[in-house]
Amino acid sequence: MPAFSYAESPYKIRDDLGQAYREYWTRLAKPGSWWTGAERIAIAQESRNALNCEFCAQRKQALSPYTFPGEHDHAGALDVLAVDAVHRIITDQTRITNSYVQDNLANGLSQEKYVELAGIVVVTFSIDEFNRALGLPLEPLPEPVAGEPSHYRPAQAVEGTGFVPMISADGNVGPEADLWP
């Protein structure tokens, strides 16, 4: 990945932010728990594509978005369920419901994959919005690293908030011990 520098910003940006972003892009390129490195990069790219998706713009205006016909503008690297999830998180997150998440599960997008996808989308979008707010170009996405997902799922993840299993504050043990300082 080419080096990206915040030095071109007219604003002083803390060095640790740039370092944290570089560390994120490095982790993003590697296989995750449920997606390969290439799929993770494709998810990040779709989070960028969603902002210019004509279907998303039209569906957001619809009274019944789940019955609105059409197809997302997308790069073609992900299946349609994953593309739809990414685009909804970016453009219409207030209408994501438990039934939508359960429908994804019934149609092959597991909760684990959905959780990892949502994390990638939110972090990528947050970094991109930081750059947009300062009038800076978006950072280039890294080249994916080959390998297979680990299929790791924390044993202490429990159903409750957010329509998917999550780790509660008292579940920060083992590999998750650093979640809450």
N, C-alpha and C. Protein backbone atom coordinates (compact mmCIF):
# COMPACT_ATOMS: atom_id res chain seq x y z
N MET A 1 0.85 -1.18 0.00
CA MET A 1 0.00 0.00 0.00
C MET A 1 0.89 1.23 0.00
N PRO A 2 0.61 2.20 -0.87
CA PRO A 2 1.43 3.41 -0.87
C PRO A 2 1.28 4.15 0.45
N ALA A 3 2.34 4.80 0.83
CA ALA A 3 2.32 5.58 2.08
C ALA A 3 1.33 6.72 1.93
N PHE A 4 0.56 6.97 2.96
CA PHE A 4 -0.38 8.07 2.98
C PHE A 4 0.06 8.99 4.10
N SER A 5 0.05 10.27 3.83
CA SER A 5 0.53 11.21 4.83
C SER A 5 -0.53 12.27 5.09
N TYR A 6 -0.73 12.55 6.35
CA TYR A 6 -1.63 13.63 6.72
C TYR A 6 -0.91 14.97 6.73
N ALA A 7 0.34 14.99 6.32
CA ALA A 7 1.12 16.23 6.29
C ALA A 7 0.52 17.24 5.31
N GLU A 8 -0.21 16.76 4.29
CA GLU A 8 -0.80 17.66 3.30
C GLU A 8 -2.04 18.38 3.82
N SER A 9 -2.50 18.01 4.99
CA SER A 9 -3.67 18.65 5.57
C SER A 9 -3.33 20.06 6.04
N PRO A 10 -4.25 21.00 5.85
CA PRO A 10 -4.03 22.34 6.38
C PRO A 10 -4.21 22.38 7.91
N TYR A 11 -4.65 21.26 8.49
CA TYR A 11 -4.87 21.17 9.93
C TYR A 11 -3.82 20.28 10.56
N LYS A 12 -3.46 20.59 11.79
CA LYS A 12 -2.53 19.73 12.50
C LYS A 12 -3.30 18.48 12.96
N ILE A 13 -2.79 17.33 12.57
CA ILE A 13 -3.42 16.06 12.90
C ILE A 13 -2.47 15.27 13.78
N ARG A 14 -2.98 14.78 14.88
CA ARG A 14 -2.15 14.01 15.81
C ARG A 14 -1.49 12.84 15.10
N ASP A 15 -0.22 12.62 15.37
CA ASP A 15 0.52 11.52 14.76
C ASP A 15 -0.09 10.16 15.08
N ASP A 16 -0.63 10.01 16.29
CA ASP A 16 -1.17 8.70 16.66
C ASP A 16 -2.41 8.33 15.84
N LEU A 17 -3.14 9.31 15.32
CA LEU A 17 -4.30 8.98 14.47
C LEU A 17 -3.84 8.35 13.16
N GLY A 18 -2.88 8.97 12.52
CA GLY A 18 -2.35 8.41 11.28
C GLY A 18 -1.79 7.01 11.50
N GLN A 19 -1.11 6.82 12.62
CA GLN A 19 -0.55 5.50 12.94
C GLN A 19 -1.67 4.48 13.18
N ALA A 20 -2.70 4.88 13.89
CA ALA A 20 -3.83 3.97 14.14
C ALA A 20 -4.51 3.59 12.83
N TYR A 21 -4.67 4.55 11.93
CA TYR A 21 -5.28 4.26 10.64
C TYR A 21 -4.41 3.29 9.83
N ARG A 22 -3.12 3.51 9.82
CA ARG A 22 -2.21 2.59 9.09
C ARG A 22 -2.31 1.18 9.68
N GLU A 23 -2.38 1.08 10.99
CA GLU A 23 -2.52 -0.24 11.62
C GLU A 23 -3.85 -0.89 11.23
N TYR A 24 -4.90 -0.09 11.15
CA TYR A 24 -6.20 -0.64 10.73
C TYR A 24 -6.11 -1.18 9.31
N TRP A 25 -5.55 -0.42 8.38
CA TRP A 25 -5.47 -0.87 6.99
C TRP A 25 -4.65 -2.16 6.89
N THR A 26 -3.60 -2.27 7.69
CA THR A 26 -2.78 -3.49 7.69
C THR A 26 -3.61 -4.68 8.16
N ARG A 27 -4.38 -4.51 9.24
CA ARG A 27 -5.24 -5.59 9.75
C ARG A 27 -6.36 -5.92 8.78
N LEU A 28 -6.92 -4.88 8.15
CA LEU A 28 -8.02 -5.08 7.21
C LEU A 28 -7.61 -6.00 6.06
N ALA A 29 -6.39 -5.87 5.60
CA ALA A 29 -5.93 -6.64 4.43
C ALA A 29 -5.79 -8.13 4.73
N LYS A 30 -5.68 -8.49 5.99
CA LYS A 30 -5.47 -9.88 6.38
C LYS A 30 -6.81 -10.60 6.54
N PRO A 31 -6.81 -11.93 6.42
CA PRO A 31 -8.05 -12.66 6.69
C PRO A 31 -8.54 -12.36 8.10
N GLY A 32 -9.85 -12.27 8.23
CA GLY A 32 -10.43 -12.02 9.54
C GLY A 32 -10.96 -13.31 10.14
N SER A 33 -11.99 -13.17 10.93
CA SER A 33 -12.61 -14.35 11.52
C SER A 33 -13.52 -15.07 10.54
N TRP A 34 -14.20 -14.31 9.66
CA TRP A 34 -15.20 -14.91 8.79
C TRP A 34 -15.05 -14.53 7.32
N TRP A 35 -14.19 -13.58 7.02
CA TRP A 35 -13.98 -13.13 5.64
C TRP A 35 -12.49 -13.20 5.30
N THR A 36 -12.18 -13.48 4.03
CA THR A 36 -10.78 -13.46 3.58
C THR A 36 -10.30 -12.01 3.47
N GLY A 37 -9.01 -11.83 3.30
CA GLY A 37 -8.48 -10.48 3.12
C GLY A 37 -9.09 -9.80 1.90
N ALA A 38 -9.22 -10.54 0.80
CA ALA A 38 -9.81 -9.97 -0.42
C ALA A 38 -11.26 -9.56 -0.18
N GLU A 39 -12.02 -10.37 0.54
CA GLU A 39 -13.41 -10.04 0.83
C GLU A 39 -13.50 -8.83 1.76
N ARG A 40 -12.59 -8.74 2.72
CA ARG A 40 -12.59 -7.60 3.64
C ARG A 40 -12.30 -6.29 2.89
N ILE A 41 -11.38 -6.35 1.94
CA ILE A 41 -11.09 -5.16 1.13
C ILE A 41 -12.30 -4.83 0.26
N ALA A 42 -12.96 -5.84 -0.29
CA ALA A 42 -14.18 -5.62 -1.10
C ALA A 42 -15.28 -4.99 -0.25
N ILE A 43 -15.41 -5.39 1.00
CA ILE A 43 -16.41 -4.79 1.89
C ILE A 43 -16.08 -3.31 2.10
N ALA A 44 -14.81 -3.00 2.35
CA ALA A 44 -14.40 -1.60 2.52
C ALA A 44 -14.70 -0.80 1.26
N GLN A 45 -14.42 -1.38 0.09
CA GLN A 45 -14.71 -0.69 -1.17
C GLN A 45 -16.20 -0.46 -1.34
N GLU A 46 -17.00 -1.45 -0.99
CA GLU A 46 -18.45 -1.27 -1.09
C GLU A 46 -18.96 -0.18 -0.16
N SER A 47 -18.30 -0.01 1.00
CA SER A 47 -18.73 1.08 1.89
C SER A 47 -18.52 2.43 1.20
N ARG A 48 -17.52 2.51 0.35
CA ARG A 48 -17.29 3.73 -0.43
C ARG A 48 -18.28 3.83 -1.60
N ASN A 49 -18.56 2.71 -2.24
CA ASN A 49 -19.48 2.71 -3.39
C ASN A 49 -20.90 3.09 -2.97
N ALA A 50 -21.29 2.72 -1.76
CA ALA A 50 -22.67 2.93 -1.32
C ALA A 50 -23.09 4.39 -1.36
N LEU A 51 -22.17 5.28 -1.12
CA LEU A 51 -22.51 6.70 -1.10
C LEU A 51 -22.97 7.22 -2.45
N ASN A 52 -22.61 6.53 -3.53
CA ASN A 52 -22.99 6.96 -4.87
C ASN A 52 -23.97 6.00 -5.54
N CYS A 53 -24.59 5.14 -4.76
CA CYS A 53 -25.50 4.14 -5.31
C CYS A 53 -26.89 4.76 -5.55
N GLU A 54 -27.31 4.77 -6.79
CA GLU A 54 -28.60 5.35 -7.15
C GLU A 54 -29.76 4.57 -6.51
N PHE A 55 -29.64 3.24 -6.48
CA PHE A 55 -30.67 2.41 -5.86
C PHE A 55 -30.83 2.78 -4.39
N CYS A 56 -29.73 2.95 -3.68
CA CYS A 56 -29.79 3.32 -2.26
C CYS A 56 -30.50 4.66 -2.08
N ALA A 57 -30.20 5.62 -2.93
CA ALA A 57 -30.82 6.94 -2.83
C ALA A 57 -32.33 6.83 -3.04
N GLN A 58 -32.74 6.03 -4.02
CA GLN A 58 -34.17 5.87 -4.28
C GLN A 58 -34.86 5.09 -3.17
N ARG A 59 -34.21 4.02 -2.70
CA ARG A 59 -34.82 3.19 -1.66
C ARG A 59 -34.97 3.96 -0.35
N LYS A 60 -34.02 4.82 -0.06
CA LYS A 60 -34.09 5.58 1.20
C LYS A 60 -35.32 6.48 1.22
N GLN A 61 -35.77 6.91 0.06
CA GLN A 61 -36.96 7.76 -0.02
C GLN A 61 -38.26 6.96 -0.01
N ALA A 62 -38.17 5.66 -0.22
CA ALA A 62 -39.37 4.82 -0.29
C ALA A 62 -39.98 4.60 1.09
N LEU A 63 -41.30 4.56 1.14
CA LEU A 63 -41.98 4.28 2.40
C LEU A 63 -41.76 2.85 2.84
N SER A 64 -41.66 1.93 1.90
CA SER A 64 -41.44 0.51 2.20
C SER A 64 -40.13 0.07 1.54
N PRO A 65 -39.01 0.32 2.17
CA PRO A 65 -37.72 0.05 1.52
C PRO A 65 -37.44 -1.42 1.27
N TYR A 66 -38.05 -2.30 2.02
CA TYR A 66 -37.76 -3.72 1.87
C TYR A 66 -38.50 -4.33 0.68
N THR A 67 -39.45 -3.61 0.13
CA THR A 67 -40.17 -4.11 -1.05
C THR A 67 -39.81 -3.31 -2.29
N PHE A 68 -38.93 -2.35 -2.15
CA PHE A 68 -38.55 -1.50 -3.28
C PHE A 68 -37.67 -2.30 -4.23
N PRO A 69 -38.08 -2.44 -5.51
CA PRO A 69 -37.29 -3.26 -6.45
C PRO A 69 -36.06 -2.52 -6.98
N GLY A 70 -35.06 -3.27 -7.33
CA GLY A 70 -33.86 -2.67 -7.92
C GLY A 70 -32.61 -3.42 -7.53
N GLU A 71 -31.48 -2.88 -7.96
CA GLU A 71 -30.19 -3.50 -7.67
C GLU A 71 -29.17 -2.42 -7.34
N HIS A 72 -28.32 -2.74 -6.38
CA HIS A 72 -27.28 -1.80 -5.97
C HIS A 72 -26.23 -1.62 -7.07
N ASP A 73 -25.68 -0.40 -7.16
CA ASP A 73 -24.48 -0.17 -7.95
C ASP A 73 -23.35 -0.74 -7.10
N HIS A 74 -22.62 -1.73 -7.64
CA HIS A 74 -21.57 -2.35 -6.84
C HIS A 74 -20.46 -2.88 -7.73
N ALA A 75 -19.35 -3.23 -7.11
CA ALA A 75 -18.16 -3.66 -7.83
C ALA A 75 -18.22 -5.11 -8.28
N GLY A 76 -19.15 -5.90 -7.76
CA GLY A 76 -19.30 -7.28 -8.19
C GLY A 76 -18.40 -8.28 -7.47
N ALA A 77 -17.69 -7.85 -6.44
CA ALA A 77 -16.77 -8.75 -5.74
C ALA A 77 -17.43 -9.50 -4.59
N LEU A 78 -18.62 -9.09 -4.18
CA LEU A 78 -19.32 -9.71 -3.05
C LEU A 78 -20.68 -10.21 -3.51
N ASP A 79 -21.23 -11.17 -2.75
CA ASP A 79 -22.57 -11.63 -3.09
C ASP A 79 -23.59 -10.54 -2.73
N VAL A 80 -24.78 -10.67 -3.28
CA VAL A 80 -25.78 -9.61 -3.16
C VAL A 80 -26.21 -9.34 -1.72
N LEU A 81 -26.23 -10.38 -0.87
CA LEU A 81 -26.60 -10.16 0.54
C LEU A 81 -25.57 -9.28 1.24
N ALA A 82 -24.31 -9.55 1.00
CA ALA A 82 -23.25 -8.75 1.62
C ALA A 82 -23.28 -7.32 1.10
N VAL A 83 -23.46 -7.16 -0.21
CA VAL A 83 -23.54 -5.81 -0.80
C VAL A 83 -24.70 -5.05 -0.17
N ASP A 84 -25.86 -5.69 -0.07
CA ASP A 84 -27.02 -5.02 0.51
C ASP A 84 -26.75 -4.63 1.96
N ALA A 85 -26.14 -5.52 2.72
CA ALA A 85 -25.84 -5.20 4.13
C ALA A 85 -24.91 -3.99 4.23
N VAL A 86 -23.86 -3.97 3.43
CA VAL A 86 -22.93 -2.83 3.45
C VAL A 86 -23.67 -1.55 3.09
N HIS A 87 -24.42 -1.59 2.01
CA HIS A 87 -25.11 -0.37 1.56
C HIS A 87 -26.14 0.10 2.57
N ARG A 88 -26.86 -0.83 3.20
CA ARG A 88 -27.84 -0.41 4.22
C ARG A 88 -27.15 0.23 5.42
N ILE A 89 -26.04 -0.34 5.85
CA ILE A 89 -25.33 0.23 7.00
C ILE A 89 -24.88 1.65 6.70
N ILE A 90 -24.45 1.90 5.48
CA ILE A 90 -23.98 3.24 5.11
C ILE A 90 -25.12 4.21 4.84
N THR A 91 -26.15 3.76 4.12
CA THR A 91 -27.14 4.73 3.63
C THR A 91 -28.49 4.71 4.35
N ASP A 92 -28.81 3.67 5.08
CA ASP A 92 -30.16 3.58 5.64
C ASP A 92 -30.18 2.77 6.94
N GLN A 93 -29.19 3.02 7.79
CA GLN A 93 -29.03 2.20 8.99
C GLN A 93 -30.17 2.29 9.98
N THR A 94 -30.93 3.37 9.96
CA THR A 94 -32.03 3.49 10.93
C THR A 94 -33.17 2.52 10.65
N ARG A 95 -33.17 1.93 9.44
CA ARG A 95 -34.23 0.98 9.12
C ARG A 95 -33.72 -0.47 9.10
N ILE A 96 -32.58 -0.71 9.71
CA ILE A 96 -32.12 -2.09 9.89
C ILE A 96 -32.84 -2.63 11.11
N THR A 97 -33.54 -3.72 10.92
CA THR A 97 -34.35 -4.32 11.99
C THR A 97 -33.86 -5.72 12.30
N ASN A 98 -34.35 -6.26 13.40
CA ASN A 98 -34.04 -7.64 13.74
C ASN A 98 -34.51 -8.58 12.63
N SER A 99 -35.67 -8.32 12.06
CA SER A 99 -36.16 -9.21 11.00
C SER A 99 -35.25 -9.15 9.77
N TYR A 100 -34.68 -7.99 9.47
CA TYR A 100 -33.72 -7.89 8.36
C TYR A 100 -32.50 -8.75 8.65
N VAL A 101 -31.96 -8.65 9.85
CA VAL A 101 -30.78 -9.44 10.22
C VAL A 101 -31.12 -10.93 10.18
N GLN A 102 -32.31 -11.30 10.68
CA GLN A 102 -32.73 -12.71 10.66
C GLN A 102 -32.95 -13.21 9.23
N ASP A 103 -33.49 -12.36 8.36
CA ASP A 103 -33.66 -12.73 6.95
C ASP A 103 -32.30 -12.99 6.30
N ASN A 104 -31.32 -12.15 6.62
CA ASN A 104 -29.97 -12.39 6.10
C ASN A 104 -29.46 -13.75 6.55
N LEU A 105 -29.67 -14.06 7.82
CA LEU A 105 -29.25 -15.35 8.37
C LEU A 105 -29.93 -16.50 7.61
N ALA A 106 -31.21 -16.38 7.40
CA ALA A 106 -31.96 -17.42 6.70
C ALA A 106 -31.50 -17.59 5.25
N ASN A 107 -30.96 -16.51 4.68
CA ASN A 107 -30.53 -16.54 3.28
C ASN A 107 -29.02 -16.75 3.11
N GLY A 108 -28.32 -17.04 4.22
CA GLY A 108 -26.92 -17.43 4.10
C GLY A 108 -25.87 -16.46 4.60
N LEU A 109 -26.27 -15.29 5.09
CA LEU A 109 -25.29 -14.37 5.68
C LEU A 109 -25.32 -14.57 7.19
N SER A 110 -24.37 -15.33 7.70
CA SER A 110 -24.37 -15.68 9.12
C SER A 110 -24.24 -14.46 10.01
N GLN A 111 -24.63 -14.61 11.25
CA GLN A 111 -24.47 -13.51 12.22
C GLN A 111 -23.00 -13.13 12.35
N GLU A 112 -22.13 -14.13 12.36
CA GLU A 112 -20.70 -13.87 12.50
C GLU A 112 -20.18 -13.05 11.32
N LYS A 113 -20.59 -13.42 10.12
CA LYS A 113 -20.16 -12.66 8.94
C LYS A 113 -20.74 -11.25 8.97
N TYR A 114 -22.00 -11.13 9.39
CA TYR A 114 -22.64 -9.82 9.47
C TYR A 114 -21.92 -8.92 10.47
N VAL A 115 -21.55 -9.47 11.62
CA VAL A 115 -20.86 -8.68 12.64
C VAL A 115 -19.51 -8.19 12.12
N GLU A 116 -18.75 -9.08 11.51
CA GLU A 116 -17.44 -8.65 10.98
C GLU A 116 -17.62 -7.63 9.86
N LEU A 117 -18.59 -7.86 8.98
CA LEU A 117 -18.88 -6.92 7.91
C LEU A 117 -19.23 -5.55 8.48
N ALA A 118 -20.11 -5.51 9.46
CA ALA A 118 -20.52 -4.24 10.06
C ALA A 118 -19.32 -3.51 10.67
N GLY A 119 -18.44 -4.24 11.34
CA GLY A 119 -17.25 -3.62 11.91
C GLY A 119 -16.36 -3.00 10.85
N ILE A 120 -16.16 -3.71 9.75
CA ILE A 120 -15.33 -3.19 8.66
C ILE A 120 -15.96 -1.93 8.08
N VAL A 121 -17.26 -1.97 7.85
CA VAL A 121 -17.97 -0.83 7.26
C VAL A 121 -17.88 0.39 8.16
N VAL A 122 -18.14 0.21 9.44
CA VAL A 122 -18.16 1.35 10.36
C VAL A 122 -16.77 1.98 10.50
N VAL A 123 -15.73 1.16 10.62
CA VAL A 123 -14.38 1.72 10.77
C VAL A 123 -13.93 2.39 9.48
N THR A 124 -14.15 1.72 8.35
CA THR A 124 -13.75 2.32 7.07
C THR A 124 -14.48 3.63 6.84
N PHE A 125 -15.78 3.64 7.07
CA PHE A 125 -16.56 4.86 6.89
C PHE A 125 -16.09 5.96 7.83
N SER A 126 -15.76 5.61 9.05
CA SER A 126 -15.30 6.62 10.02
C SER A 126 -13.99 7.25 9.58
N ILE A 127 -13.04 6.45 9.13
CA ILE A 127 -11.77 6.99 8.65
C ILE A 127 -12.01 7.85 7.41
N ASP A 128 -12.84 7.35 6.50
CA ASP A 128 -13.13 8.11 5.29
C ASP A 128 -13.81 9.44 5.62
N GLU A 129 -14.74 9.44 6.55
CA GLU A 129 -15.42 10.68 6.93
C GLU A 129 -14.45 11.67 7.57
N PHE A 130 -13.49 11.18 8.33
CA PHE A 130 -12.45 12.04 8.89
C PHE A 130 -11.74 12.76 7.76
N ASN A 131 -11.35 12.01 6.74
CA ASN A 131 -10.65 12.61 5.60
C ASN A 131 -11.55 13.57 4.84
N ARG A 132 -12.79 13.17 4.60
CA ARG A 132 -13.71 14.05 3.88
C ARG A 132 -13.91 15.37 4.64
N ALA A 133 -14.05 15.28 5.94
CA ALA A 133 -14.29 16.48 6.76
C ALA A 133 -13.13 17.47 6.65
N LEU A 134 -11.93 16.95 6.44
CA LEU A 134 -10.76 17.82 6.32
C LEU A 134 -10.42 18.15 4.88
N GLY A 135 -11.25 17.69 3.93
CA GLY A 135 -11.00 17.96 2.53
C GLY A 135 -9.82 17.18 1.96
N LEU A 136 -9.51 16.04 2.58
CA LEU A 136 -8.38 15.22 2.14
C LEU A 136 -8.87 14.06 1.28
N PRO A 137 -8.00 13.53 0.44
CA PRO A 137 -8.40 12.35 -0.34
C PRO A 137 -8.57 11.15 0.58
N LEU A 138 -9.36 10.19 0.11
CA LEU A 138 -9.50 8.96 0.88
C LEU A 138 -8.19 8.18 0.80
N GLU A 139 -7.89 7.49 1.88
CA GLU A 139 -6.68 6.68 1.89
C GLU A 139 -6.86 5.51 0.93
N PRO A 140 -5.80 5.11 0.24
CA PRO A 140 -5.93 3.96 -0.65
C PRO A 140 -6.16 2.68 0.15
N LEU A 141 -7.00 1.81 -0.38
CA LEU A 141 -7.21 0.52 0.28
C LEU A 141 -5.99 -0.36 0.02
N PRO A 142 -5.64 -1.17 1.00
CA PRO A 142 -4.45 -2.02 0.84
C PRO A 142 -4.71 -3.21 -0.08
N GLU A 143 -3.64 -3.83 -0.51
CA GLU A 143 -3.74 -5.08 -1.25
C GLU A 143 -4.06 -6.19 -0.25
N PRO A 144 -4.97 -7.09 -0.60
CA PRO A 144 -5.32 -8.15 0.34
C PRO A 144 -4.18 -9.15 0.54
N VAL A 145 -4.16 -9.71 1.74
CA VAL A 145 -3.21 -10.75 2.11
C VAL A 145 -3.93 -12.09 1.98
N ALA A 146 -3.29 -13.05 1.34
CA ALA A 146 -3.91 -14.37 1.14
C ALA A 146 -4.05 -15.10 2.47
N GLY A 147 -4.97 -16.02 2.52
CA GLY A 147 -5.19 -16.84 3.70
C GLY A 147 -6.66 -17.06 3.93
N GLU A 148 -6.94 -17.93 4.86
CA GLU A 148 -8.31 -18.28 5.17
C GLU A 148 -8.75 -17.67 6.50
N PRO A 149 -10.05 -17.37 6.64
CA PRO A 149 -10.56 -16.85 7.91
C PRO A 149 -10.36 -17.87 9.03
N SER A 150 -10.24 -17.37 10.25
CA SER A 150 -10.00 -18.23 11.42
C SER A 150 -11.26 -18.92 11.92
N HIS A 151 -12.43 -18.37 11.62
CA HIS A 151 -13.73 -18.83 12.13
C HIS A 151 -13.79 -18.78 13.65
N TYR A 152 -13.07 -17.83 14.22
CA TYR A 152 -13.11 -17.62 15.67
C TYR A 152 -14.38 -16.88 16.05
N ARG A 153 -15.04 -17.38 17.06
CA ARG A 153 -16.23 -16.73 17.63
C ARG A 153 -16.07 -16.78 19.14
N PRO A 154 -16.06 -15.63 19.80
CA PRO A 154 -15.92 -15.63 21.26
C PRO A 154 -17.02 -16.44 21.92
N ALA A 155 -16.64 -17.34 22.79
CA ALA A 155 -17.61 -18.20 23.47
C ALA A 155 -18.55 -17.40 24.36
N GLN A 156 -18.09 -16.26 24.85
CA GLN A 156 -18.90 -15.47 25.78
C GLN A 156 -19.82 -14.46 25.08
N ALA A 157 -19.90 -14.49 23.74
CA ALA A 157 -20.83 -13.62 23.02
C ALA A 157 -22.25 -14.10 23.31
N VAL A 158 -23.11 -13.16 23.69
CA VAL A 158 -24.49 -13.51 24.06
C VAL A 158 -25.49 -12.65 23.28
N GLU A 159 -26.68 -13.24 23.06
CA GLU A 159 -27.76 -12.51 22.39
C GLU A 159 -28.21 -11.37 23.29
N GLY A 160 -28.70 -10.33 22.66
CA GLY A 160 -29.21 -9.20 23.43
C GLY A 160 -29.29 -7.97 22.56
N THR A 161 -28.47 -7.00 22.81
CA THR A 161 -28.46 -5.74 22.10
C THR A 161 -28.02 -5.91 20.65
N GLY A 162 -28.60 -5.14 19.77
CA GLY A 162 -28.10 -5.04 18.41
C GLY A 162 -28.44 -6.17 17.47
N PHE A 163 -29.34 -7.06 17.81
CA PHE A 163 -29.83 -8.14 16.94
C PHE A 163 -28.80 -9.24 16.69
N VAL A 164 -27.62 -9.16 17.26
CA VAL A 164 -26.58 -10.17 17.07
C VAL A 164 -25.88 -10.44 18.40
N PRO A 165 -25.26 -11.60 18.56
CA PRO A 165 -24.52 -11.86 19.79
C PRO A 165 -23.39 -10.85 19.97
N MET A 166 -23.21 -10.40 21.20
CA MET A 166 -22.17 -9.42 21.53
C MET A 166 -21.49 -9.84 22.83
N ILE A 167 -20.38 -9.22 23.11
CA ILE A 167 -19.65 -9.49 24.35
C ILE A 167 -20.00 -8.40 25.35
N SER A 168 -20.52 -8.81 26.49
CA SER A 168 -20.87 -7.84 27.52
C SER A 168 -19.60 -7.36 28.23
N ALA A 169 -19.72 -6.30 28.98
CA ALA A 169 -18.56 -5.72 29.68
C ALA A 169 -17.89 -6.72 30.61
N ASP A 170 -18.66 -7.64 31.18
CA ASP A 170 -18.04 -8.63 32.06
C ASP A 170 -17.52 -9.85 31.28
N GLY A 171 -17.63 -9.81 29.95
CA GLY A 171 -17.13 -10.89 29.12
C GLY A 171 -15.77 -10.61 28.52
N ASN A 172 -15.11 -9.57 29.01
CA ASN A 172 -13.79 -9.21 28.47
C ASN A 172 -12.70 -10.05 29.14
N VAL A 173 -12.65 -11.31 28.73
CA VAL A 173 -11.66 -12.26 29.25
C VAL A 173 -10.98 -12.94 28.06
N GLY A 174 -9.89 -13.61 28.31
CA GLY A 174 -9.16 -14.31 27.27
C GLY A 174 -8.74 -13.36 26.15
N PRO A 175 -8.93 -13.76 24.89
CA PRO A 175 -8.53 -12.88 23.78
C PRO A 175 -9.27 -11.54 23.76
N GLU A 176 -10.40 -11.45 24.45
CA GLU A 176 -11.17 -10.21 24.49
C GLU A 176 -10.87 -9.36 25.72
N ALA A 177 -9.85 -9.69 26.48
CA ALA A 177 -9.53 -9.01 27.73
C ALA A 177 -9.23 -7.53 27.54
N ASP A 178 -8.82 -7.13 26.34
CA ASP A 178 -8.46 -5.72 26.13
C ASP A 178 -9.60 -4.88 25.56
N LEU A 179 -10.82 -5.42 25.51
CA LEU A 179 -11.92 -4.66 24.93
C LEU A 179 -12.31 -3.43 25.75
N TRP A 180 -12.35 -3.57 27.05
CA TRP A 180 -12.70 -2.44 27.92
C TRP A 180 -11.60 -2.26 28.94
N PRO A 181 -10.89 -1.13 28.88
CA PRO A 181 -9.80 -0.92 29.86
C PRO A 181 -10.34 -0.79 31.27
